Amino acid sequence: MKRSRYSEEQIVRILREVGAGAKVIETCRKYGISEPTFYAWRAKFGGMDVNQLRRLKELEAENAKLKRMYAELALVHNALQDVVDRKP
C-alpha cells in the first residue's frame, strides 16, 4: 500500500480547517490532494482529534500484539493436542 505524504495528525488538521469554514475545493488545492481523497479521509478520521488518533493507534498496536500472541499459543496448543492424541 502506498504511504501517504501526510501523517494522520496533519490529516486531522486539514479536516479541522474545512470544519472551521474553509471550502473543500480550495483546501484540496492548497494541500495538493483530490476531493475523493479528502472525503475518504473525512470518512476515516472525521470527528477525531489528535489525542484520540494517538489512542486509536496505540489500541491497534496492542490488538495486533494480542492477535500474534493468540496465534502462537493456538499453534502450540494444536501441536500438544496432536502429541496427546497419538499416544496409544
C-alpha atoms as a PDB file:
ATOM      1  CA  MET A   1       0.000   0.000   0.000  1.00  0.00           C
ATOM      2  CA  LYS A   2       1.289   3.435  -0.896  1.00  0.00           C
ATOM      3  CA  ARG A   3       2.339   5.555   2.058  1.00  0.00           C
ATOM      4  CA  SER A   4       0.610   8.903   2.401  1.00  0.00           C
ATOM      5  CA  ARG A   5       2.747  12.005   2.363  1.00  0.00           C
ATOM      6  CA  TYR A   6       0.622  13.366   5.188  1.00  0.00           C
ATOM      7  CA  SER A   7       0.685  11.980   8.710  1.00  0.00           C
ATOM      8  CA  GLU A   8      -2.553  11.259  10.498  1.00  0.00           C
ATOM      9  CA  GLU A   9      -2.084  14.359  12.649  1.00  0.00           C
ATOM     10  CA  GLN A  10      -1.726  16.513   9.527  1.00  0.00           C
ATOM     11  CA  ILE A  11      -4.833  14.917   8.037  1.00  0.00           C
ATOM     12  CA  VAL A  12      -6.841  15.730  11.169  1.00  0.00           C
ATOM     13  CA  ARG A  13      -5.632  19.349  10.982  1.00  0.00           C
ATOM     14  CA  ILE A  14      -6.672  19.584   7.317  1.00  0.00           C
ATOM     15  CA  LEU A  15     -10.119  18.223   8.188  1.00  0.00           C
ATOM     16  CA  ARG A  16     -10.444  20.740  11.009  1.00  0.00           C
ATOM     17  CA  GLU A  17      -9.530  23.550   8.632  1.00  0.00           C
ATOM     18  CA  VAL A  18     -12.502  22.644   6.442  1.00  0.00           C
ATOM     19  CA  GLY A  19     -14.658  22.194   9.522  1.00  0.00           C
ATOM     20  CA  ALA A  20     -13.787  25.740  10.571  1.00  0.00           C
ATOM     21  CA  GLY A  21     -15.284  27.116   7.381  1.00  0.00           C
ATOM     22  CA  ALA A  22     -12.748  26.753   4.577  1.00  0.00           C
ATOM     23  CA  LYS A  23     -14.028  25.458   1.256  1.00  0.00           C
ATOM     24  CA  VAL A  24     -13.204  21.882   0.336  1.00  0.00           C
ATOM     25  CA  ILE A  25     -12.025  22.699  -3.181  1.00  0.00           C
ATOM     26  CA  GLU A  26      -9.683  25.451  -2.008  1.00  0.00           C
ATOM     27  CA  THR A  27      -8.274  23.322   0.800  1.00  0.00           C
ATOM     28  CA  CYS A  28      -7.665  20.399  -1.567  1.00  0.00           C
ATOM     29  CA  ARG A  29      -5.870  22.679  -3.986  1.00  0.00           C
ATOM     30  CA  LYS A  30      -3.813  24.201  -1.159  1.00  0.00           C
ATOM     31  CA  TYR A  31      -2.566  20.812   0.060  1.00  0.00           C
ATOM     32  CA  GLY A  32      -2.394  19.092  -3.332  1.00  0.00           C
ATOM     33  CA  ILE A  33      -4.971  16.396  -2.683  1.00  0.00           C
ATOM     34  CA  SER A  34      -8.030  15.322  -4.642  1.00  0.00           C
ATOM     35  CA  GLU A  35     -11.573  15.737  -3.397  1.00  0.00           C
ATOM     36  CA  PRO A  36     -12.157  11.967  -3.222  1.00  0.00           C
ATOM     37  CA  THR A  37      -9.054  11.708  -1.019  1.00  0.00           C
ATOM     38  CA  PHE A  38     -10.411  14.424   1.253  1.00  0.00           C
ATOM     39  CA  TYR A  39     -13.768  12.676   1.592  1.00  0.00           C
ATOM     40  CA  ALA A  40     -12.058   9.320   2.241  1.00  0.00           C
ATOM     41  CA  TRP A  41     -10.035  10.975   4.996  1.00  0.00           C
ATOM     42  CA  ARG A  42     -13.185  12.535   6.409  1.00  0.00           C
ATOM     43  CA  ALA A  43     -14.895   9.142   6.468  1.00  0.00           C
ATOM     44  CA  LYS A  44     -11.929   7.590   8.261  1.00  0.00           C
ATOM     45  CA  PHE A  45     -10.794  10.381  10.598  1.00  0.00           C
ATOM     46  CA  GLY A  46     -13.840  12.642  10.818  1.00  0.00           C
ATOM     47  CA  GLY A  47     -14.653  13.873  14.305  1.00  0.00           C
ATOM     48  CA  MET A  48     -11.321  12.790  15.792  1.00  0.00           C
ATOM     49  CA  ASP A  49      -8.758  14.975  17.427  1.00  0.00           C
ATOM     50  CA  VAL A  50      -5.036  14.252  17.628  1.00  0.00           C
ATOM     51  CA  ASN A  51      -5.229  12.665  21.099  1.00  0.00           C
ATOM     52  CA  GLN A  52      -7.981  10.291  20.035  1.00  0.00           C
ATOM     53  CA  LEU A  53      -5.989   9.378  16.951  1.00  0.00           C
ATOM     54  CA  ARG A  54      -2.902   8.567  19.031  1.00  0.00           C
ATOM     55  CA  ARG A  55      -5.010   6.432  21.372  1.00  0.00           C
ATOM     56  CA  LEU A  56      -6.513   4.617  18.378  1.00  0.00           C
ATOM     57  CA  LYS A  57      -3.021   3.836  17.070  1.00  0.00           C
ATOM     58  CA  GLU A  58      -1.971   2.526  20.496  1.00  0.00           C
ATOM     59  CA  LEU A  59      -5.039   0.284  20.680  1.00  0.00           C
ATOM     60  CA  GLU A  60      -4.468  -1.027  17.154  1.00  0.00           C
ATOM     61  CA  ALA A  61      -0.850  -1.877  18.012  1.00  0.00           C
ATOM     62  CA  GLU A  62      -1.919  -3.616  21.227  1.00  0.00           C
ATOM     63  CA  ASN A  63      -4.610  -5.538  19.364  1.00  0.00           C
ATOM     64  CA  ALA A  64      -2.094  -6.710  16.745  1.00  0.00           C
ATOM     65  CA  LYS A  65       0.263  -7.865  19.517  1.00  0.00           C
ATOM     66  CA  LEU A  66      -2.510  -9.808  21.244  1.00  0.00           C
ATOM     67  CA  LYS A  67      -3.548 -11.446  17.962  1.00  0.00           C
ATOM     68  CA  ARG A  68       0.044 -12.602  17.371  1.00  0.00           C
ATOM     69  CA  MET A  69       0.225 -13.981  20.909  1.00  0.00           C
ATOM     70  CA  TYR A  70      -3.036 -15.869  20.437  1.00  0.00           C
ATOM     71  CA  ALA A  71      -1.895 -17.309  17.109  1.00  0.00           C
ATOM     72  CA  GLU A  72       1.360 -18.576  18.666  1.00  0.00           C
ATOM     73  CA  LEU A  73      -0.483 -20.118  21.616  1.00  0.00           C
ATOM     74  CA  ALA A  74      -3.017 -21.756  19.304  1.00  0.00           C
ATOM     75  CA  LEU A  75      -0.180 -23.353  17.313  1.00  0.00           C
ATOM     76  CA  VAL A  76       1.444 -24.682  20.486  1.00  0.00           C
ATOM     77  CA  HIS A  77      -1.916 -25.973  21.738  1.00  0.00           C
ATOM     78  CA  ASN A  78      -2.616 -27.784  18.480  1.00  0.00           C
ATOM     79  CA  ALA A  79       0.864 -29.316  18.448  1.00  0.00           C
ATOM     80  CA  LEU A  80       0.459 -30.563  22.023  1.00  0.00           C
ATOM     81  CA  GLN A  81      -3.007 -31.876  21.234  1.00  0.00           C
ATOM     82  CA  ASP A  82      -1.577 -33.868  18.304  1.00  0.00           C
ATOM     83  CA  VAL A  83       1.059 -35.386  20.627  1.00  0.00           C
ATOM     84  CA  VAL A  84      -1.592 -36.346  23.198  1.00  0.00           C
ATOM     85  CA  ASP A  85      -3.853 -37.881  20.532  1.00  0.00           C
ATOM     86  CA  ARG A  86      -1.028 -40.040  19.117  1.00  0.00           C
ATOM     87  CA  LYS A  87      -0.309 -41.845  22.402  1.00  0.00           C
ATOM     88  CA  PRO A  88      -1.705 -45.397  22.433  1.00  0.00           C
END
